Amino acid sequence: MDFRLKNVARMRRFPSPEEGLRVMAEKAPQAEALAVSWIAPWIGKGAKFRPLLMRVYALHRRIATIAVLLLAAFLFVHVMFGANGMVVYRQKRAEFQSLQTQIAQKQKENDEYRQQIEALKTDQKAIEKEAREQLRYVRPGEYVYVPPPPADPPTNRSARK
């Protein structure tokens, strides 16, 4: 506790609001003279830029409004058409959804193939079916009917003339 009391005694006191206003009022002429000394070469008598600066000052609201509008237009274009803009975002989102549907379709195909593989490993009827369809195997006493290849359509010689 003694340590804390010693530090409190050393702390600097802040001036009251009245004291701050009094100091500001005393120093105001010096600050104004300093500002005039900085600005005088630009707007003083015989300055080259005075007419231009006066015009700029007269139009400062219009200039600020135009600057804000240009900034807003730039931001709008950047947000809509920039590298990470809304147009690119929508394209990426459509591509993502397309890829999700392709993934689901491929998963479904994989499941069907997995079931077919399991059936060929264990089910005798599935094995027989594949042997009959792909290898054209038959049981003794069965006949396989193979249709003849389609004949070429007759050519009409009158169409050539």
C-alpha atoms as a PDB file:
ATOM      1  CA  MET A   1       0.000   0.000   0.000  1.00  0.00           C
ATOM      2  CA  ASP A   2       2.834   2.410   0.744  1.00  0.00           C
ATOM      3  CA  PHE A   3       4.217   1.866  -2.739  1.00  0.00           C
ATOM      4  CA  ARG A   4       0.922   2.817  -4.333  1.00  0.00           C
ATOM      5  CA  LEU A   5       0.586   5.974  -2.258  1.00  0.00           C
ATOM      6  CA  LYS A   6       4.039   7.127  -3.280  1.00  0.00           C
ATOM      7  CA  ASN A   7       3.212   6.680  -6.987  1.00  0.00           C
ATOM      8  CA  VAL A   8      -0.026   8.644  -6.627  1.00  0.00           C
ATOM      9  CA  ALA A   9       1.881  11.584  -5.244  1.00  0.00           C
ATOM     10  CA  ARG A  10       4.229  11.577  -8.265  1.00  0.00           C
ATOM     11  CA  MET A  11       1.427  11.534 -10.848  1.00  0.00           C
ATOM     12  CA  ARG A  12       0.991  14.658 -12.969  1.00  0.00           C
ATOM     13  CA  ARG A  13      -2.223  16.531 -12.536  1.00  0.00           C
ATOM     14  CA  PHE A  14      -4.324  17.274 -15.571  1.00  0.00           C
ATOM     15  CA  PRO A  15      -5.510  20.861 -15.964  1.00  0.00           C
ATOM     16  CA  SER A  16      -9.134  21.673 -15.538  1.00  0.00           C
ATOM     17  CA  PRO A  17     -11.186  22.541 -18.634  1.00  0.00           C
ATOM     18  CA  GLU A  18     -10.991  26.213 -17.726  1.00  0.00           C
ATOM     19  CA  GLU A  19      -7.193  26.087 -17.584  1.00  0.00           C
ATOM     20  CA  GLY A  20      -7.068  24.323 -20.973  1.00  0.00           C
ATOM     21  CA  LEU A  21      -9.249  27.009 -22.587  1.00  0.00           C
ATOM     22  CA  ARG A  22      -7.106  29.778 -21.048  1.00  0.00           C
ATOM     23  CA  VAL A  23      -3.900  28.217 -22.444  1.00  0.00           C
ATOM     24  CA  MET A  24      -5.509  27.769 -25.849  1.00  0.00           C
ATOM     25  CA  ALA A  25      -6.627  31.416 -25.912  1.00  0.00           C
ATOM     26  CA  GLU A  26      -3.126  32.573 -24.978  1.00  0.00           C
ATOM     27  CA  LYS A  27      -1.454  30.477 -27.698  1.00  0.00           C
ATOM     28  CA  ALA A  28      -4.019  31.218 -30.477  1.00  0.00           C
ATOM     29  CA  PRO A  29      -2.221  34.285 -31.922  1.00  0.00           C
ATOM     30  CA  GLN A  30       1.026  32.358 -32.178  1.00  0.00           C
ATOM     31  CA  ALA A  31      -0.695  29.422 -33.964  1.00  0.00           C
ATOM     32  CA  GLU A  32      -2.456  31.815 -36.344  1.00  0.00           C
ATOM     33  CA  ALA A  33       0.824  33.581 -37.156  1.00  0.00           C
ATOM     34  CA  LEU A  34       2.479  30.233 -37.861  1.00  0.00           C
ATOM     35  CA  ALA A  35      -0.350  29.170 -40.182  1.00  0.00           C
ATOM     36  CA  VAL A  36      -0.203  32.492 -42.053  1.00  0.00           C
ATOM     37  CA  SER A  37       3.561  32.143 -42.469  1.00  0.00           C
ATOM     38  CA  TRP A  38       3.048  28.719 -44.072  1.00  0.00           C
ATOM     39  CA  ILE A  39       0.188  29.805 -46.327  1.00  0.00           C
ATOM     40  CA  ALA A  40       1.462  33.317 -47.246  1.00  0.00           C
ATOM     41  CA  PRO A  41       3.732  32.245 -50.126  1.00  0.00           C
ATOM     42  CA  TRP A  42       0.749  30.519 -51.764  1.00  0.00           C
ATOM     43  CA  ILE A  43      -1.980  33.140 -51.353  1.00  0.00           C
ATOM     44  CA  GLY A  44      -0.172  36.355 -50.420  1.00  0.00           C
ATOM     45  CA  LYS A  45       0.224  39.453 -52.557  1.00  0.00           C
ATOM     46  CA  GLY A  46       1.887  38.648 -55.863  1.00  0.00           C
ATOM     47  CA  ALA A  47       1.419  34.882 -55.449  1.00  0.00           C
ATOM     48  CA  LYS A  48       1.055  33.025 -58.728  1.00  0.00           C
ATOM     49  CA  PHE A  49      -1.392  30.436 -57.462  1.00  0.00           C
ATOM     50  CA  ARG A  50      -3.843  32.716 -55.669  1.00  0.00           C
ATOM     51  CA  PRO A  51      -6.510  32.789 -58.434  1.00  0.00           C
ATOM     52  CA  LEU A  52      -6.320  29.029 -58.836  1.00  0.00           C
ATOM     53  CA  LEU A  53      -6.534  28.426 -55.093  1.00  0.00           C
ATOM     54  CA  MET A  54      -9.472  30.805 -54.797  1.00  0.00           C
ATOM     55  CA  ARG A  55     -11.309  28.947 -57.573  1.00  0.00           C
ATOM     56  CA  VAL A  56     -10.545  25.605 -55.958  1.00  0.00           C
ATOM     57  CA  TYR A  57     -11.780  26.882 -52.615  1.00  0.00           C
ATOM     58  CA  ALA A  58     -14.973  28.192 -54.224  1.00  0.00           C
ATOM     59  CA  LEU A  59     -15.583  24.805 -55.853  1.00  0.00           C
ATOM     60  CA  HIS A  60     -14.396  22.624 -52.982  1.00  0.00           C
ATOM     61  CA  ARG A  61     -17.839  21.115 -52.330  1.00  0.00           C
ATOM     62  CA  ARG A  62     -18.345  20.215 -55.968  1.00  0.00           C
ATOM     63  CA  ILE A  63     -14.855  18.776 -56.163  1.00  0.00           C
ATOM     64  CA  ALA A  64     -15.438  16.739 -53.001  1.00  0.00           C
ATOM     65  CA  THR A  65     -18.803  15.494 -54.334  1.00  0.00           C
ATOM     66  CA  ILE A  66     -17.260  14.491 -57.663  1.00  0.00           C
ATOM     67  CA  ALA A  67     -14.391  12.739 -55.864  1.00  0.00           C
ATOM     68  CA  VAL A  68     -16.816  10.796 -53.672  1.00  0.00           C
ATOM     69  CA  LEU A  69     -18.914   9.826 -56.714  1.00  0.00           C
ATOM     70  CA  LEU A  70     -15.836   8.654 -58.598  1.00  0.00           C
ATOM     71  CA  LEU A  71     -14.715   6.643 -55.592  1.00  0.00           C
ATOM     72  CA  ALA A  72     -18.172   5.079 -55.258  1.00  0.00           C
ATOM     73  CA  ALA A  73     -18.240   4.243 -58.986  1.00  0.00           C
ATOM     74  CA  PHE A  74     -14.788   2.684 -58.770  1.00  0.00           C
ATOM     75  CA  LEU A  75     -15.779   0.609 -55.744  1.00  0.00           C
ATOM     76  CA  PHE A  76     -18.995  -0.518 -57.456  1.00  0.00           C
ATOM     77  CA  VAL A  77     -17.104  -1.644 -60.574  1.00  0.00           C
ATOM     78  CA  HIS A  78     -14.485  -3.358 -58.450  1.00  0.00           C
ATOM     79  CA  VAL A  79     -17.066  -5.180 -56.317  1.00  0.00           C
ATOM     80  CA  MET A  80     -19.075  -6.301 -59.345  1.00  0.00           C
ATOM     81  CA  PHE A  81     -16.374  -7.104 -61.907  1.00  0.00           C
ATOM     82  CA  GLY A  82     -13.120  -7.346 -59.950  1.00  0.00           C
ATOM     83  CA  ALA A  83     -11.030 -10.464 -59.412  1.00  0.00           C
ATOM     84  CA  ASN A  84     -13.280 -11.521 -56.527  1.00  0.00           C
ATOM     85  CA  GLY A  85     -16.391  -9.638 -57.654  1.00  0.00           C
ATOM     86  CA  MET A  86     -19.999 -10.732 -57.780  1.00  0.00           C
ATOM     87  CA  VAL A  87     -19.797 -11.901 -61.409  1.00  0.00           C
ATOM     88  CA  VAL A  88     -16.873 -14.198 -60.644  1.00  0.00           C
ATOM     89  CA  TYR A  89     -18.572 -15.325 -57.424  1.00  0.00           C
ATOM     90  CA  ARG A  90     -21.712 -16.369 -59.314  1.00  0.00           C
ATOM     91  CA  GLN A  91     -19.655 -18.234 -61.916  1.00  0.00           C
ATOM     92  CA  LYS A  92     -17.738 -20.066 -59.207  1.00  0.00           C
ATOM     93  CA  ARG A  93     -20.964 -20.890 -57.392  1.00  0.00           C
ATOM     94  CA  ALA A  94     -22.529 -22.357 -60.567  1.00  0.00           C
ATOM     95  CA  GLU A  95     -19.356 -24.343 -61.190  1.00  0.00           C
ATOM     96  CA  PHE A  96     -19.429 -25.600 -57.593  1.00  0.00           C
ATOM     97  CA  GLN A  97     -23.030 -26.776 -57.925  1.00  0.00           C
ATOM     98  CA  SER A  98     -22.221 -28.500 -61.231  1.00  0.00           C
ATOM     99  CA  LEU A  99     -19.288 -30.292 -59.625  1.00  0.00           C
ATOM    100  CA  GLN A 100     -21.479 -31.321 -56.667  1.00  0.00           C
ATOM    101  CA  THR A 101     -24.005 -32.954 -59.027  1.00  0.00           C
ATOM    102  CA  GLN A 102     -21.190 -34.714 -60.901  1.00  0.00           C
ATOM    103  CA  ILE A 103     -19.789 -36.013 -57.609  1.00  0.00           C
ATOM    104  CA  ALA A 104     -23.206 -37.330 -56.579  1.00  0.00           C
ATOM    105  CA  GLN A 105     -23.621 -39.037 -59.971  1.00  0.00           C
ATOM    106  CA  LYS A 106     -20.173 -40.655 -59.744  1.00  0.00           C
ATOM    107  CA  GLN A 107     -20.904 -41.826 -56.179  1.00  0.00           C
ATOM    108  CA  LYS A 108     -24.113 -43.449 -57.398  1.00  0.00           C
ATOM    109  CA  GLU A 109     -22.228 -45.202 -60.226  1.00  0.00           C
ATOM    110  CA  ASN A 110     -19.566 -46.376 -57.768  1.00  0.00           C
ATOM    111  CA  ASP A 111     -22.247 -47.814 -55.476  1.00  0.00           C
ATOM    112  CA  GLU A 112     -23.843 -49.691 -58.394  1.00  0.00           C
ATOM    113  CA  TYR A 113     -20.468 -51.106 -59.462  1.00  0.00           C
ATOM    114  CA  ARG A 114     -19.658 -52.078 -55.886  1.00  0.00           C
ATOM    115  CA  GLN A 115     -22.966 -53.949 -55.596  1.00  0.00           C
ATOM    116  CA  GLN A 116     -22.313 -55.656 -58.939  1.00  0.00           C
ATOM    117  CA  ILE A 117     -18.831 -56.724 -57.805  1.00  0.00           C
ATOM    118  CA  GLU A 118     -20.176 -58.113 -54.541  1.00  0.00           C
ATOM    119  CA  ALA A 119     -22.874 -59.987 -56.439  1.00  0.00           C
ATOM    120  CA  LEU A 120     -20.294 -61.496 -58.822  1.00  0.00           C
ATOM    121  CA  LYS A 121     -18.207 -62.625 -55.859  1.00  0.00           C
ATOM    122  CA  THR A 122     -21.039 -64.354 -54.013  1.00  0.00           C
ATOM    123  CA  ASP A 123     -24.214 -64.824 -56.128  1.00  0.00           C
ATOM    124  CA  GLN A 124     -24.232 -67.771 -58.565  1.00  0.00           C
ATOM    125  CA  LYS A 125     -27.171 -66.353 -60.536  1.00  0.00           C
ATOM    126  CA  ALA A 126     -25.282 -63.087 -61.190  1.00  0.00           C
ATOM    127  CA  ILE A 127     -22.213 -65.041 -62.321  1.00  0.00           C
ATOM    128  CA  GLU A 128     -24.334 -67.151 -64.680  1.00  0.00           C
ATOM    129  CA  LYS A 129     -26.070 -64.082 -66.088  1.00  0.00           C
ATOM    130  CA  GLU A 130     -22.755 -62.365 -66.888  1.00  0.00           C
ATOM    131  CA  ALA A 131     -21.359 -65.554 -68.449  1.00  0.00           C
ATOM    132  CA  ARG A 132     -24.425 -65.882 -70.696  1.00  0.00           C
ATOM    133  CA  GLU A 133     -24.478 -62.229 -71.765  1.00  0.00           C
ATOM    134  CA  GLN A 134     -20.795 -61.463 -72.244  1.00  0.00           C
ATOM    135  CA  LEU A 135     -19.247 -64.840 -73.057  1.00  0.00           C
ATOM    136  CA  ARG A 136     -22.315 -66.304 -74.827  1.00  0.00           C
ATOM    137  CA  TYR A 137     -22.205 -69.453 -72.706  1.00  0.00           C
ATOM    138  CA  VAL A 138     -25.159 -71.834 -72.811  1.00  0.00           C
ATOM    139  CA  ARG A 139     -26.232 -74.819 -70.814  1.00  0.00           C
ATOM    140  CA  PRO A 140     -26.222 -78.203 -72.430  1.00  0.00           C
ATOM    141  CA  GLY A 141     -29.282 -78.565 -74.650  1.00  0.00           C
ATOM    142  CA  GLU A 142     -29.883 -74.828 -75.061  1.00  0.00           C
ATOM    143  CA  TYR A 143     -29.665 -72.991 -78.346  1.00  0.00           C
ATOM    144  CA  VAL A 144     -28.617 -69.386 -78.859  1.00  0.00           C
ATOM    145  CA  TYR A 145     -30.377 -67.439 -81.544  1.00  0.00           C
ATOM    146  CA  VAL A 146     -28.092 -64.895 -83.180  1.00  0.00           C
ATOM    147  CA  PRO A 147     -29.920 -62.595 -85.593  1.00  0.00           C
ATOM    148  CA  PRO A 148     -28.301 -62.134 -88.995  1.00  0.00           C
ATOM    149  CA  PRO A 149     -26.545 -58.843 -89.628  1.00  0.00           C
ATOM    150  CA  PRO A 150     -28.740 -56.259 -91.295  1.00  0.00           C
ATOM    151  CA  ALA A 151     -28.617 -56.359 -95.073  1.00  0.00           C
ATOM    152  CA  ASP A 152     -27.438 -53.327 -97.015  1.00  0.00           C
ATOM    153  CA  PRO A 153     -30.399 -51.295 -98.243  1.00  0.00           C
ATOM    154  CA  PRO A 154     -30.925 -51.528-101.994  1.00  0.00           C
ATOM    155  CA  THR A 155     -29.379 -48.672-103.840  1.00  0.00           C
ATOM    156  CA  ASN A 156     -31.613 -46.688-106.094  1.00  0.00           C
ATOM    157  CA  ARG A 157     -29.753 -45.956-109.299  1.00  0.00           C
ATOM    158  CA  SER A 158     -32.238 -43.372-110.396  1.00  0.00           C
ATOM    159  CA  ALA A 159     -31.275 -41.183-107.435  1.00  0.00           C
ATOM    160  CA  ARG A 160     -27.710 -40.979-108.714  1.00  0.00           C
ATOM    161  CA  LYS A 161     -28.701 -39.546-112.066  1.00  0.00           C
END
